Amino acid sequence: MTGKTVGGPKILLVDDDKIVVEALTDLFKRILPAVSIVDSATSGVEALELFASNADQYALVLLDMSLEGMQGPEVCRRMRLMDCSTPILGMTSFSLNRYRVPLAAAGAQGLVGKGDETQLEQAVSRVLSGCFLPGFETPMAAYARLKCDARAESTLTNTQETIMNLCANEYLTDGEIAERLGISIATVRKHMQNIVKRLNCRTQRQAIITWLKHGNER
């Protein structure tokens, strides 16, 4: 047995609402008593620090999508690039469709709603058993994809990379990106048109998916 399972599976819980952290901790004691939430983080930065030090101890990362600052899919992507075995299960209070595509691209093993205890229990049990939810990959497959395919990143200029990160990872609109960078909305849209061409895509949505899949990091 490894540190991940000695004394029962250990979970890293990431949610920026401390009340939710406490509620989920109590919930797991009731519905999955063999599972222990051994660490919790309320920000993406804190979660990454814990994961970098203790990934070999976690049987699962339970990761909220709508974190302050660094969003859940980006936290997931960075975790997956660190580790090829620990499963990551996303959770959200919003529609699953809002995060399914970017989270799958970021290397997670599933996504579940926070509001349904039964679905949460089933999803956690399934991922802990070594399975993954429909539309997602195994940790190893996701790790290999993110590590080996960084072609998209190298084709963009620094400004274009910044715009793609703001769009794909922080979900900013053209107007919000323009305000953040101090440029016009028309300039942002022109950059996006060039990005779509450079990534050999037909639409902005396809370009965002391609960018996420190819691991947008230096």
N, C-alpha and C. Protein backbone atom coordinates (compact mmCIF):
# COMPACT_ATOMS: atom_id res chain seq x y z
N MET A 1 0.84 -1.21 0.00
CA MET A 1 0.00 0.00 0.00
C MET A 1 0.87 1.25 0.00
N THR A 2 0.39 2.30 -0.63
CA THR A 2 1.14 3.55 -0.69
C THR A 2 0.55 4.54 0.30
N GLY A 3 1.23 5.68 0.42
CA GLY A 3 0.73 6.73 1.30
C GLY A 3 -0.64 7.23 0.90
N LYS A 4 -1.02 7.02 -0.37
CA LYS A 4 -2.32 7.48 -0.85
C LYS A 4 -3.47 6.72 -0.19
N THR A 5 -3.22 5.47 0.21
CA THR A 5 -4.31 4.62 0.68
C THR A 5 -4.15 4.08 2.09
N VAL A 6 -2.97 4.22 2.68
CA VAL A 6 -2.78 3.75 4.06
C VAL A 6 -3.73 4.52 4.97
N GLY A 7 -4.55 3.79 5.73
CA GLY A 7 -5.52 4.44 6.59
C GLY A 7 -6.72 4.97 5.86
N GLY A 8 -6.90 4.55 4.59
CA GLY A 8 -8.01 5.03 3.77
C GLY A 8 -7.56 6.10 2.80
N PRO A 9 -8.28 6.25 1.68
CA PRO A 9 -7.91 7.26 0.68
C PRO A 9 -7.89 8.67 1.26
N LYS A 10 -6.89 9.43 0.85
CA LYS A 10 -6.72 10.80 1.35
C LYS A 10 -7.02 11.80 0.22
N ILE A 11 -7.76 12.84 0.56
CA ILE A 11 -8.21 13.82 -0.44
C ILE A 11 -7.67 15.21 -0.11
N LEU A 12 -7.26 15.91 -1.18
CA LEU A 12 -6.99 17.35 -1.09
C LEU A 12 -8.22 18.05 -1.61
N LEU A 13 -8.85 18.87 -0.78
CA LEU A 13 -10.06 19.61 -1.14
C LEU A 13 -9.71 21.07 -1.40
N VAL A 14 -10.12 21.57 -2.57
CA VAL A 14 -9.82 22.95 -2.96
C VAL A 14 -11.12 23.70 -3.21
N ASP A 15 -11.41 24.68 -2.36
CA ASP A 15 -12.61 25.51 -2.51
C ASP A 15 -12.35 26.82 -1.77
N ASP A 16 -12.70 27.94 -2.40
CA ASP A 16 -12.39 29.23 -1.78
C ASP A 16 -13.41 29.66 -0.74
N ASP A 17 -14.42 28.84 -0.50
CA ASP A 17 -15.42 29.14 0.53
C ASP A 17 -15.18 28.22 1.73
N LYS A 18 -14.73 28.79 2.84
CA LYS A 18 -14.40 27.98 4.01
C LYS A 18 -15.61 27.24 4.56
N ILE A 19 -16.79 27.83 4.40
CA ILE A 19 -18.01 27.17 4.86
C ILE A 19 -18.26 25.90 4.04
N VAL A 20 -18.00 25.98 2.74
CA VAL A 20 -18.16 24.81 1.87
C VAL A 20 -17.14 23.74 2.24
N VAL A 21 -15.92 24.15 2.54
CA VAL A 21 -14.89 23.19 2.96
C VAL A 21 -15.35 22.43 4.20
N GLU A 22 -15.87 23.15 5.16
CA GLU A 22 -16.34 22.52 6.39
C GLU A 22 -17.53 21.60 6.11
N ALA A 23 -18.45 22.06 5.27
CA ALA A 23 -19.64 21.26 4.95
C ALA A 23 -19.27 19.98 4.22
N LEU A 24 -18.35 20.08 3.26
CA LEU A 24 -17.94 18.89 2.51
C LEU A 24 -17.15 17.92 3.39
N THR A 25 -16.36 18.46 4.29
CA THR A 25 -15.62 17.60 5.22
C THR A 25 -16.60 16.79 6.08
N ASP A 26 -17.63 17.46 6.58
CA ASP A 26 -18.65 16.77 7.37
C ASP A 26 -19.43 15.77 6.52
N LEU A 27 -19.73 16.16 5.29
CA LEU A 27 -20.47 15.29 4.39
C LEU A 27 -19.71 13.99 4.12
N PHE A 28 -18.41 14.11 3.86
CA PHE A 28 -17.61 12.92 3.56
C PHE A 28 -17.52 12.00 4.77
N LYS A 29 -17.49 12.56 5.95
CA LYS A 29 -17.47 11.73 7.15
C LYS A 29 -18.74 10.88 7.23
N ARG A 30 -19.83 11.41 6.68
CA ARG A 30 -21.11 10.72 6.75
C ARG A 30 -21.32 9.75 5.61
N ILE A 31 -21.03 10.17 4.37
CA ILE A 31 -21.36 9.32 3.22
C ILE A 31 -20.19 8.43 2.77
N LEU A 32 -18.96 8.85 3.05
CA LEU A 32 -17.77 8.06 2.69
C LEU A 32 -16.81 8.05 3.87
N PRO A 33 -17.16 7.35 4.94
CA PRO A 33 -16.35 7.41 6.17
C PRO A 33 -14.93 6.86 6.01
N ALA A 34 -14.68 6.04 4.98
CA ALA A 34 -13.34 5.50 4.78
C ALA A 34 -12.40 6.51 4.14
N VAL A 35 -12.98 7.58 3.61
CA VAL A 35 -12.21 8.61 2.90
C VAL A 35 -11.91 9.76 3.86
N SER A 36 -10.70 10.29 3.79
CA SER A 36 -10.31 11.39 4.68
C SER A 36 -9.89 12.61 3.87
N ILE A 37 -10.46 13.78 4.19
CA ILE A 37 -9.97 15.03 3.64
C ILE A 37 -8.84 15.49 4.54
N VAL A 38 -7.61 15.26 4.10
CA VAL A 38 -6.45 15.50 4.96
C VAL A 38 -5.89 16.90 4.81
N ASP A 39 -6.15 17.54 3.67
CA ASP A 39 -5.69 18.90 3.44
C ASP A 39 -6.77 19.66 2.69
N SER A 40 -6.81 20.97 2.90
CA SER A 40 -7.72 21.82 2.15
C SER A 40 -7.01 23.12 1.79
N ALA A 41 -7.45 23.71 0.69
CA ALA A 41 -6.88 24.96 0.23
C ALA A 41 -8.01 25.86 -0.22
N THR A 42 -7.85 27.16 -0.03
CA THR A 42 -8.89 28.11 -0.43
C THR A 42 -8.47 28.98 -1.61
N SER A 43 -7.35 28.66 -2.23
CA SER A 43 -6.91 29.38 -3.43
C SER A 43 -6.12 28.43 -4.32
N GLY A 44 -6.03 28.80 -5.59
CA GLY A 44 -5.26 27.98 -6.51
C GLY A 44 -3.79 27.92 -6.15
N VAL A 45 -3.23 29.05 -5.73
CA VAL A 45 -1.82 29.09 -5.36
C VAL A 45 -1.53 28.17 -4.18
N GLU A 46 -2.38 28.25 -3.15
CA GLU A 46 -2.21 27.39 -1.98
C GLU A 46 -2.35 25.93 -2.36
N ALA A 47 -3.32 25.62 -3.22
CA ALA A 47 -3.53 24.24 -3.66
C ALA A 47 -2.31 23.70 -4.40
N LEU A 48 -1.72 24.53 -5.25
CA LEU A 48 -0.55 24.09 -6.01
C LEU A 48 0.65 23.85 -5.09
N GLU A 49 0.78 24.67 -4.08
CA GLU A 49 1.88 24.48 -3.13
C GLU A 49 1.71 23.18 -2.36
N LEU A 50 0.50 22.90 -1.91
CA LEU A 50 0.24 21.65 -1.19
C LEU A 50 0.46 20.45 -2.11
N PHE A 51 -0.01 20.56 -3.33
CA PHE A 51 0.10 19.45 -4.27
C PHE A 51 1.56 19.18 -4.63
N ALA A 52 2.33 20.24 -4.82
CA ALA A 52 3.74 20.07 -5.16
C ALA A 52 4.50 19.33 -4.07
N SER A 53 4.11 19.54 -2.83
CA SER A 53 4.80 18.91 -1.70
C SER A 53 4.26 17.53 -1.35
N ASN A 54 2.97 17.29 -1.65
CA ASN A 54 2.32 16.09 -1.11
C ASN A 54 1.54 15.26 -2.12
N ALA A 55 1.79 15.44 -3.41
CA ALA A 55 1.00 14.73 -4.42
C ALA A 55 1.00 13.22 -4.22
N ASP A 56 2.13 12.68 -3.76
CA ASP A 56 2.21 11.24 -3.58
C ASP A 56 1.37 10.74 -2.41
N GLN A 57 0.83 11.66 -1.60
CA GLN A 57 0.00 11.28 -0.47
C GLN A 57 -1.50 11.33 -0.80
N TYR A 58 -1.86 12.00 -1.89
CA TYR A 58 -3.27 12.19 -2.20
C TYR A 58 -3.79 11.11 -3.14
N ALA A 59 -4.91 10.51 -2.76
CA ALA A 59 -5.58 9.57 -3.64
C ALA A 59 -6.49 10.29 -4.63
N LEU A 60 -6.82 11.55 -4.31
CA LEU A 60 -7.73 12.33 -5.14
C LEU A 60 -7.62 13.80 -4.79
N VAL A 61 -7.74 14.65 -5.81
CA VAL A 61 -7.91 16.10 -5.60
C VAL A 61 -9.34 16.44 -5.99
N LEU A 62 -10.08 17.04 -5.07
CA LEU A 62 -11.44 17.49 -5.34
C LEU A 62 -11.37 19.01 -5.49
N LEU A 63 -11.61 19.49 -6.71
CA LEU A 63 -11.24 20.86 -7.09
C LEU A 63 -12.44 21.66 -7.56
N ASP A 64 -12.73 22.75 -6.85
CA ASP A 64 -13.80 23.66 -7.26
C ASP A 64 -13.36 24.43 -8.50
N MET A 65 -14.32 24.73 -9.38
CA MET A 65 -13.99 25.40 -10.63
C MET A 65 -13.91 26.91 -10.51
N SER A 66 -14.78 27.52 -9.70
CA SER A 66 -14.86 28.99 -9.67
C SER A 66 -14.09 29.56 -8.48
N LEU A 67 -12.78 29.44 -8.55
CA LEU A 67 -11.92 29.99 -7.51
C LEU A 67 -11.62 31.46 -7.79
N GLU A 68 -11.28 32.21 -6.76
CA GLU A 68 -10.83 33.59 -6.95
C GLU A 68 -9.44 33.55 -7.59
N GLY A 69 -9.20 34.44 -8.54
CA GLY A 69 -7.89 34.49 -9.19
C GLY A 69 -7.75 33.37 -10.20
N MET A 70 -6.84 32.45 -9.94
CA MET A 70 -6.61 31.33 -10.83
C MET A 70 -7.80 30.38 -10.80
N GLN A 71 -8.43 30.17 -11.95
CA GLN A 71 -9.62 29.34 -12.03
C GLN A 71 -9.28 27.85 -11.96
N GLY A 72 -10.30 27.04 -11.65
CA GLY A 72 -10.11 25.62 -11.47
C GLY A 72 -9.42 24.89 -12.61
N PRO A 73 -9.83 25.10 -13.88
CA PRO A 73 -9.17 24.39 -14.97
C PRO A 73 -7.66 24.68 -15.06
N GLU A 74 -7.26 25.92 -14.79
CA GLU A 74 -5.84 26.24 -14.83
C GLU A 74 -5.09 25.59 -13.67
N VAL A 75 -5.70 25.55 -12.49
CA VAL A 75 -5.09 24.85 -11.36
C VAL A 75 -4.93 23.37 -11.72
N CYS A 76 -5.95 22.79 -12.31
CA CYS A 76 -5.90 21.39 -12.72
C CYS A 76 -4.77 21.14 -13.70
N ARG A 77 -4.65 22.01 -14.70
CA ARG A 77 -3.62 21.83 -15.72
C ARG A 77 -2.22 21.84 -15.11
N ARG A 78 -2.00 22.77 -14.19
CA ARG A 78 -0.68 22.86 -13.56
C ARG A 78 -0.42 21.65 -12.66
N MET A 79 -1.44 21.18 -11.98
CA MET A 79 -1.28 19.98 -11.17
C MET A 79 -0.95 18.77 -12.05
N ARG A 80 -1.68 18.66 -13.16
CA ARG A 80 -1.46 17.49 -14.02
C ARG A 80 -0.05 17.49 -14.61
N LEU A 81 0.47 18.65 -14.92
CA LEU A 81 1.84 18.72 -15.43
C LEU A 81 2.87 18.32 -14.37
N MET A 82 2.49 18.35 -13.10
CA MET A 82 3.38 17.92 -12.01
C MET A 82 3.31 16.42 -11.76
N ASP A 83 2.20 15.78 -12.12
CA ASP A 83 1.94 14.44 -11.63
C ASP A 83 1.11 13.65 -12.65
N CYS A 84 1.48 12.39 -12.85
CA CYS A 84 0.82 11.57 -13.86
C CYS A 84 -0.11 10.50 -13.28
N SER A 85 -0.33 10.51 -11.97
CA SER A 85 -1.12 9.42 -11.39
C SER A 85 -2.29 9.86 -10.51
N THR A 86 -2.18 10.98 -9.84
CA THR A 86 -3.24 11.40 -8.92
C THR A 86 -4.46 11.89 -9.69
N PRO A 87 -5.62 11.28 -9.51
CA PRO A 87 -6.82 11.75 -10.22
C PRO A 87 -7.31 13.08 -9.67
N ILE A 88 -7.91 13.88 -10.55
CA ILE A 88 -8.47 15.18 -10.19
C ILE A 88 -9.93 15.19 -10.60
N LEU A 89 -10.80 15.48 -9.65
CA LEU A 89 -12.24 15.56 -9.92
C LEU A 89 -12.70 16.98 -9.69
N GLY A 90 -13.22 17.61 -10.74
CA GLY A 90 -13.74 18.95 -10.62
C GLY A 90 -15.13 18.96 -10.04
N MET A 91 -15.50 20.06 -9.40
CA MET A 91 -16.85 20.21 -8.87
C MET A 91 -17.29 21.66 -9.07
N THR A 92 -18.60 21.86 -9.25
CA THR A 92 -19.09 23.20 -9.50
C THR A 92 -20.54 23.33 -9.08
N SER A 93 -20.94 24.54 -8.74
CA SER A 93 -22.34 24.85 -8.46
C SER A 93 -23.06 25.32 -9.71
N PHE A 94 -22.29 25.57 -10.78
CA PHE A 94 -22.86 26.04 -12.04
C PHE A 94 -23.16 24.85 -12.96
N SER A 95 -23.65 25.14 -14.14
CA SER A 95 -23.90 24.10 -15.13
C SER A 95 -22.58 23.38 -15.46
N LEU A 96 -22.64 22.05 -15.56
CA LEU A 96 -21.44 21.29 -15.88
C LEU A 96 -20.91 21.66 -17.26
N ASN A 97 -21.79 22.07 -18.16
CA ASN A 97 -21.37 22.42 -19.52
C ASN A 97 -20.43 23.63 -19.54
N ARG A 98 -20.50 24.45 -18.50
CA ARG A 98 -19.66 25.65 -18.45
C ARG A 98 -18.17 25.28 -18.35
N TYR A 99 -17.87 24.17 -17.67
CA TYR A 99 -16.48 23.83 -17.40
C TYR A 99 -16.02 22.50 -18.01
N ARG A 100 -16.93 21.73 -18.57
CA ARG A 100 -16.58 20.37 -19.00
C ARG A 100 -15.43 20.34 -20.00
N VAL A 101 -15.52 21.15 -21.04
CA VAL A 101 -14.49 21.13 -22.09
C VAL A 101 -13.14 21.64 -21.58
N PRO A 102 -13.07 22.82 -20.95
CA PRO A 102 -11.76 23.27 -20.47
C PRO A 102 -11.16 22.37 -19.39
N LEU A 103 -12.01 21.75 -18.56
CA LEU A 103 -11.48 20.89 -17.51
C LEU A 103 -10.94 19.59 -18.09
N ALA A 104 -11.64 19.02 -19.07
CA ALA A 104 -11.13 17.82 -19.72
C ALA A 104 -9.80 18.12 -20.41
N ALA A 105 -9.72 19.28 -21.06
CA ALA A 105 -8.48 19.67 -21.72
C ALA A 105 -7.35 19.86 -20.72
N ALA A 106 -7.70 20.25 -19.50
CA ALA A 106 -6.70 20.52 -18.46
C ALA A 106 -6.20 19.25 -17.77
N GLY A 107 -6.81 18.10 -18.08
CA GLY A 107 -6.28 16.84 -17.56
C GLY A 107 -7.00 16.23 -16.39
N ALA A 108 -8.24 16.66 -16.13
CA ALA A 108 -9.01 16.09 -15.02
C ALA A 108 -9.61 14.74 -15.41
N GLN A 109 -10.19 14.05 -14.40
CA GLN A 109 -10.81 12.76 -14.64
C GLN A 109 -12.32 12.80 -14.54
N GLY A 110 -12.87 13.98 -14.27
CA GLY A 110 -14.31 14.09 -14.22
C GLY A 110 -14.76 15.43 -13.67
N LEU A 111 -16.06 15.67 -13.74
CA LEU A 111 -16.66 16.90 -13.24
C LEU A 111 -18.02 16.54 -12.67
N VAL A 112 -18.34 17.07 -11.49
CA VAL A 112 -19.59 16.74 -10.82
C VAL A 112 -20.18 17.99 -10.19
N GLY A 113 -21.49 18.02 -10.05
CA GLY A 113 -22.15 19.13 -9.39
C GLY A 113 -22.05 19.02 -7.87
N LYS A 114 -21.94 20.17 -7.21
CA LYS A 114 -21.85 20.17 -5.75
C LYS A 114 -23.17 19.85 -5.07
N GLY A 115 -24.29 20.12 -5.75
CA GLY A 115 -25.56 20.10 -5.07
C GLY A 115 -26.20 18.74 -4.85
N ASP A 116 -25.69 17.69 -5.49
CA ASP A 116 -26.30 16.37 -5.39
C ASP A 116 -25.37 15.43 -4.63
N GLU A 117 -25.72 15.10 -3.39
CA GLU A 117 -24.86 14.25 -2.56
C GLU A 117 -24.63 12.88 -3.20
N THR A 118 -25.68 12.31 -3.79
CA THR A 118 -25.57 10.99 -4.39
C THR A 118 -24.60 10.99 -5.56
N GLN A 119 -24.74 11.98 -6.45
CA GLN A 119 -23.83 12.06 -7.60
C GLN A 119 -22.40 12.32 -7.15
N LEU A 120 -22.23 13.15 -6.13
CA LEU A 120 -20.90 13.43 -5.62
C LEU A 120 -20.27 12.16 -5.04
N GLU A 121 -21.03 11.42 -4.26
CA GLU A 121 -20.52 10.17 -3.70
C GLU A 121 -20.16 9.18 -4.79
N GLN A 122 -21.03 9.04 -5.79
CA GLN A 122 -20.77 8.10 -6.88
C GLN A 122 -19.55 8.50 -7.69
N ALA A 123 -19.42 9.79 -7.98
CA ALA A 123 -18.29 10.26 -8.78
C ALA A 123 -16.97 10.06 -8.04
N VAL A 124 -16.94 10.41 -6.76
CA VAL A 124 -15.72 10.24 -5.98
C VAL A 124 -15.35 8.76 -5.89
N SER A 125 -16.33 7.91 -5.62
CA SER A 125 -16.07 6.47 -5.52
C SER A 125 -15.55 5.91 -6.84
N ARG A 126 -16.14 6.37 -7.94
CA ARG A 126 -15.73 5.86 -9.24
C ARG A 126 -14.30 6.26 -9.57
N VAL A 127 -13.97 7.53 -9.34
CA VAL A 127 -12.62 8.00 -9.66
C VAL A 127 -11.59 7.35 -8.73
N LEU A 128 -11.94 7.18 -7.46
CA LEU A 128 -11.02 6.52 -6.53
C LEU A 128 -10.77 5.06 -6.91
N SER A 129 -11.74 4.46 -7.61
CA SER A 129 -11.58 3.06 -8.01
C SER A 129 -10.71 2.90 -9.26
N GLY A 130 -10.26 4.04 -9.82
CA GLY A 130 -9.39 3.99 -10.99
C GLY A 130 -10.08 4.28 -12.30
N CYS A 131 -11.36 4.59 -12.25
CA CYS A 131 -12.11 4.91 -13.47
C CYS A 131 -12.11 6.42 -13.70
N PHE A 132 -12.62 6.82 -14.85
CA PHE A 132 -12.78 8.25 -15.13
C PHE A 132 -14.14 8.44 -15.77
N LEU A 133 -14.67 9.65 -15.67
CA LEU A 133 -16.01 9.91 -16.17
C LEU A 133 -16.00 10.12 -17.68
N PRO A 134 -17.14 9.89 -18.35
CA PRO A 134 -17.21 10.04 -19.81
C PRO A 134 -16.71 11.40 -20.28
N GLY A 135 -15.90 11.37 -21.34
CA GLY A 135 -15.36 12.61 -21.89
C GLY A 135 -14.03 13.03 -21.29
N PHE A 136 -13.52 12.26 -20.32
CA PHE A 136 -12.26 12.58 -19.67
C PHE A 136 -11.26 11.45 -19.89
N GLU A 137 -9.99 11.74 -19.56
CA GLU A 137 -8.90 10.78 -19.77
C GLU A 137 -8.38 10.24 -18.45
N THR A 138 -7.55 9.21 -18.55
CA THR A 138 -6.82 8.75 -17.37
C THR A 138 -5.77 9.80 -17.01
N PRO A 139 -5.30 9.81 -15.78
CA PRO A 139 -4.23 10.76 -15.42
C PRO A 139 -3.00 10.62 -16.30
N MET A 140 -2.60 9.39 -16.59
CA MET A 140 -1.40 9.17 -17.40
C MET A 140 -1.57 9.70 -18.83
N ALA A 141 -2.73 9.43 -19.42
CA ALA A 141 -2.97 9.91 -20.79
C ALA A 141 -2.99 11.43 -20.84
N ALA A 142 -3.61 12.05 -19.86
CA ALA A 142 -3.68 13.51 -19.82
C ALA A 142 -2.29 14.11 -19.61
N TYR A 143 -1.52 13.50 -18.72
CA TYR A 143 -0.16 13.97 -18.45
C TYR A 143 0.69 13.90 -19.73
N ALA A 144 0.60 12.79 -20.42
CA ALA A 144 1.40 12.61 -21.65
C ALA A 144 1.00 13.64 -22.70
N ARG A 145 -0.29 13.88 -22.84
CA ARG A 145 -0.76 14.85 -23.83
C ARG A 145 -0.27 16.25 -23.50
N LEU A 146 -0.40 16.66 -22.25
CA LEU A 146 0.00 18.01 -21.86
C LEU A 146 1.52 18.20 -21.94
N LYS A 147 2.26 17.15 -21.63
CA LYS A 147 3.72 17.25 -21.65
C LYS A 147 4.28 17.25 -23.07
N CYS A 148 3.69 16.45 -23.92
CA CYS A 148 4.30 16.20 -25.23
C CYS A 148 3.83 17.15 -26.34
N ASP A 149 2.69 17.78 -26.16
CA ASP A 149 2.15 18.59 -27.25
C ASP A 149 2.06 20.05 -26.87
N ALA A 150 3.16 20.78 -27.01
CA ALA A 150 3.20 22.22 -26.71
C ALA A 150 3.41 23.03 -27.99
N ARG A 151 3.00 22.47 -29.10
CA ARG A 151 3.24 23.16 -30.38
C ARG A 151 2.49 24.48 -30.48
N ALA A 152 1.28 24.53 -29.95
CA ALA A 152 0.48 25.75 -30.10
C ALA A 152 1.14 26.94 -29.41
N GLU A 153 1.69 26.71 -28.24
CA GLU A 153 2.28 27.81 -27.47
C GLU A 153 3.38 28.52 -28.23
N SER A 154 4.20 27.77 -28.95
CA SER A 154 5.37 28.35 -29.59
C SER A 154 5.01 29.16 -30.84
N THR A 155 3.78 29.05 -31.31
CA THR A 155 3.42 29.74 -32.55
C THR A 155 2.88 31.15 -32.30
N LEU A 156 2.67 31.52 -31.05
CA LEU A 156 2.04 32.81 -30.75
C LEU A 156 3.05 33.82 -30.22
N THR A 157 2.76 35.10 -30.49
CA THR A 157 3.58 36.16 -29.91
C THR A 157 3.25 36.29 -28.42
N ASN A 158 4.06 37.07 -27.70
CA ASN A 158 3.82 37.26 -26.27
C ASN A 158 2.45 37.88 -26.01
N THR A 159 2.09 38.88 -26.82
CA THR A 159 0.79 39.52 -26.64
C THR A 159 -0.35 38.55 -26.91
N GLN A 160 -0.19 37.74 -27.96
CA GLN A 160 -1.22 36.76 -28.28
C GLN A 160 -1.34 35.69 -27.19
N GLU A 161 -0.21 35.28 -26.62
CA GLU A 161 -0.25 34.33 -25.52
C GLU A 161 -1.00 34.92 -24.33
N THR A 162 -0.74 36.19 -24.03
CA THR A 162 -1.41 36.85 -22.91
C THR A 162 -2.91 36.90 -23.14
N ILE A 163 -3.31 37.25 -24.35
CA ILE A 163 -4.73 37.33 -24.66
C ILE A 163 -5.38 35.95 -24.54
N MET A 164 -4.72 34.91 -25.02
CA MET A 164 -5.28 33.57 -24.93
C MET A 164 -5.40 33.12 -23.48
N ASN A 165 -4.42 33.44 -22.66
CA ASN A 165 -4.50 33.07 -21.25
C ASN A 165 -5.65 33.79 -20.55
N LEU A 166 -5.82 35.07 -20.85
CA LEU A 166 -6.91 35.83 -20.24
C LEU A 166 -8.27 35.31 -20.70
N CYS A 167 -8.34 34.89 -21.94
CA CYS A 167 -9.59 34.40 -22.51
C CYS A 167 -9.90 32.97 -22.04
N ALA A 168 -8.87 32.09 -22.14
CA ALA A 168 -9.10 30.67 -21.88
C ALA A 168 -9.05 30.31 -20.41
N ASN A 169 -8.20 30.99 -19.65
CA ASN A 169 -8.01 30.61 -18.25
C ASN A 169 -8.75 31.51 -17.26
N GLU A 170 -8.97 32.78 -17.64
CA GLU A 170 -9.68 33.69 -16.74
C GLU A 170 -11.07 34.06 -17.25
N TYR A 171 -11.41 33.58 -18.47
CA TYR A 171 -12.74 33.74 -19.04
C TYR A 171 -13.15 35.21 -19.20
N LEU A 172 -12.16 36.06 -19.54
CA LEU A 172 -12.47 37.48 -19.73
C LEU A 172 -13.08 37.72 -21.11
N THR A 173 -13.92 38.72 -21.21
CA THR A 173 -14.49 39.12 -22.48
C THR A 173 -13.48 39.98 -23.24
N ASP A 174 -13.80 40.27 -24.52
CA ASP A 174 -12.92 41.14 -25.31
C ASP A 174 -12.76 42.49 -24.62
N GLY A 175 -13.87 43.03 -24.11
CA GLY A 175 -13.80 44.33 -23.44
C GLY A 175 -12.94 44.30 -22.18
N GLU A 176 -13.07 43.22 -21.40
CA GLU A 176 -12.28 43.09 -20.18
C GLU A 176 -10.80 42.91 -20.49
N ILE A 177 -10.50 42.17 -21.56
CA ILE A 177 -9.11 41.99 -21.97
C ILE A 177 -8.53 43.33 -22.43
N ALA A 178 -9.32 44.08 -23.21
CA ALA A 178 -8.86 45.39 -23.69
C ALA A 178 -8.54 46.31 -22.52
N GLU A 179 -9.41 46.32 -21.51
CA GLU A 179 -9.18 47.17 -20.34
C GLU A 179 -7.94 46.72 -19.57
N ARG A 180 -7.78 45.40 -19.42
CA ARG A 180 -6.63 44.87 -18.68
C ARG A 180 -5.31 45.22 -19.37
N LEU A 181 -5.28 45.16 -20.72
CA LEU A 181 -4.04 45.37 -21.46
C LEU A 181 -3.86 46.82 -21.93
N GLY A 182 -4.88 47.65 -21.75
CA GLY A 182 -4.77 49.03 -22.18
C GLY A 182 -4.78 49.21 -23.68
N ILE A 183 -5.55 48.36 -24.36
CA ILE A 183 -5.67 48.45 -25.82
C ILE A 183 -7.16 48.50 -26.17
N SER A 184 -7.45 48.72 -27.45
CA SER A 184 -8.85 48.82 -27.85
C SER A 184 -9.47 47.43 -28.04
N ILE A 185 -10.79 47.38 -27.99
CA ILE A 185 -11.49 46.12 -28.23
C ILE A 185 -11.21 45.63 -29.65
N ALA A 186 -11.14 46.59 -30.61
CA ALA A 186 -10.86 46.22 -32.00
C ALA A 186 -9.50 45.54 -32.12
N THR A 187 -8.52 46.04 -31.35
CA THR A 187 -7.17 45.43 -31.38
C THR A 187 -7.21 44.01 -30.81
N VAL A 188 -7.95 43.84 -29.73
CA VAL A 188 -8.09 42.49 -29.15
C VAL A 188 -8.69 41.54 -30.18
N ARG A 189 -9.73 41.98 -30.85
CA ARG A 189 -10.40 41.13 -31.83
C ARG A 189 -9.51 40.82 -33.03
N LYS A 190 -8.67 41.79 -33.41
CA LYS A 190 -7.73 41.55 -34.51
C LYS A 190 -6.70 40.51 -34.09
N HIS A 191 -6.19 40.65 -32.86
CA HIS A 191 -5.26 39.64 -32.35
C HIS A 191 -5.90 38.26 -32.35
N MET A 192 -7.17 38.20 -31.93
CA MET A 192 -7.85 36.91 -31.87
C MET A 192 -8.02 36.30 -33.26
N GLN A 193 -8.30 37.13 -34.24
CA GLN A 193 -8.40 36.63 -35.61
C GLN A 193 -7.07 36.01 -36.05
N ASN A 194 -5.97 36.68 -35.72
CA ASN A 194 -4.65 36.17 -36.08
C ASN A 194 -4.33 34.89 -35.32
N ILE A 195 -4.76 34.82 -34.04
CA ILE A 195 -4.54 33.62 -33.24
C ILE A 195 -5.25 32.43 -33.87
N VAL A 196 -6.50 32.63 -34.25
CA VAL A 196 -7.28 31.55 -34.87
C VAL A 196 -6.56 31.03 -36.12
N LYS A 197 -6.01 31.95 -36.93
CA LYS A 197 -5.28 31.54 -38.13
C LYS A 197 -4.00 30.79 -37.78
N ARG A 198 -3.24 31.32 -36.80
CA ARG A 198 -1.97 30.70 -36.43
C ARG A 198 -2.14 29.30 -35.87
N LEU A 199 -3.25 29.08 -35.19
CA LEU A 199 -3.49 27.76 -34.61
C LEU A 199 -4.22 26.83 -35.57
N ASN A 200 -4.39 27.31 -36.80
CA ASN A 200 -5.05 26.50 -37.84
C ASN A 200 -6.45 26.08 -37.42
N CYS A 201 -7.17 27.02 -36.82
CA CYS A 201 -8.53 26.76 -36.37
C CYS A 201 -9.52 27.57 -37.20
N ARG A 202 -10.79 27.20 -37.08
CA ARG A 202 -11.83 27.90 -37.83
C ARG A 202 -12.60 28.90 -36.97
N THR A 203 -12.64 28.66 -35.67
CA THR A 203 -13.40 29.54 -34.79
C THR A 203 -12.58 29.86 -33.54
N GLN A 204 -13.00 30.91 -32.83
CA GLN A 204 -12.33 31.27 -31.58
C GLN A 204 -12.49 30.16 -30.54
N ARG A 205 -13.66 29.55 -30.49
CA ARG A 205 -13.89 28.45 -29.54
C ARG A 205 -12.92 27.30 -29.79
N GLN A 206 -12.74 26.97 -31.06
CA GLN A 206 -11.81 25.88 -31.40
C GLN A 206 -10.38 26.26 -31.03
N ALA A 207 -10.03 27.53 -31.22
CA ALA A 207 -8.68 27.98 -30.87
C ALA A 207 -8.45 27.88 -29.36
N ILE A 208 -9.46 28.23 -28.57
CA ILE A 208 -9.33 28.13 -27.11
C ILE A 208 -9.13 26.69 -26.69
N ILE A 209 -9.90 25.76 -27.26
CA ILE A 209 -9.77 24.34 -26.93
C ILE A 209 -8.38 23.84 -27.32
N THR A 210 -7.91 24.24 -28.51
CA THR A 210 -6.58 23.83 -28.97
C THR A 210 -5.50 24.35 -28.03
N TRP A 211 -5.64 25.61 -27.63
CA TRP A 211 -4.68 26.23 -26.71
C TRP A 211 -4.62 25.47 -25.39
N LEU A 212 -5.77 25.15 -24.84
CA LEU A 212 -5.83 24.43 -23.56
C LEU A 212 -5.25 23.03 -23.69
N LYS A 213 -5.57 22.35 -24.77
CA LYS A 213 -5.08 20.98 -24.96
C LYS A 213 -3.57 20.93 -25.13
N HIS A 214 -3.00 21.97 -25.70
CA HIS A 214 -1.57 21.95 -26.01
C HIS A 214 -0.69 22.45 -24.87
N GLY A 215 -1.29 22.74 -23.73
CA GLY A 215 -0.47 23.08 -22.57
C GLY A 215 0.21 24.42 -22.71
N ASN A 216 -0.52 25.50 -22.42
CA ASN A 216 -0.01 26.85 -22.68
C ASN A 216 0.93 27.32 -21.58
N GLU A 217 2.09 26.73 -21.51
CA GLU A 217 3.09 27.20 -20.54
C GLU A 217 4.46 27.17 -21.19
N ARG A 218 5.33 28.03 -20.72
CA ARG A 218 6.71 28.03 -21.21
C ARG A 218 7.54 27.05 -20.43
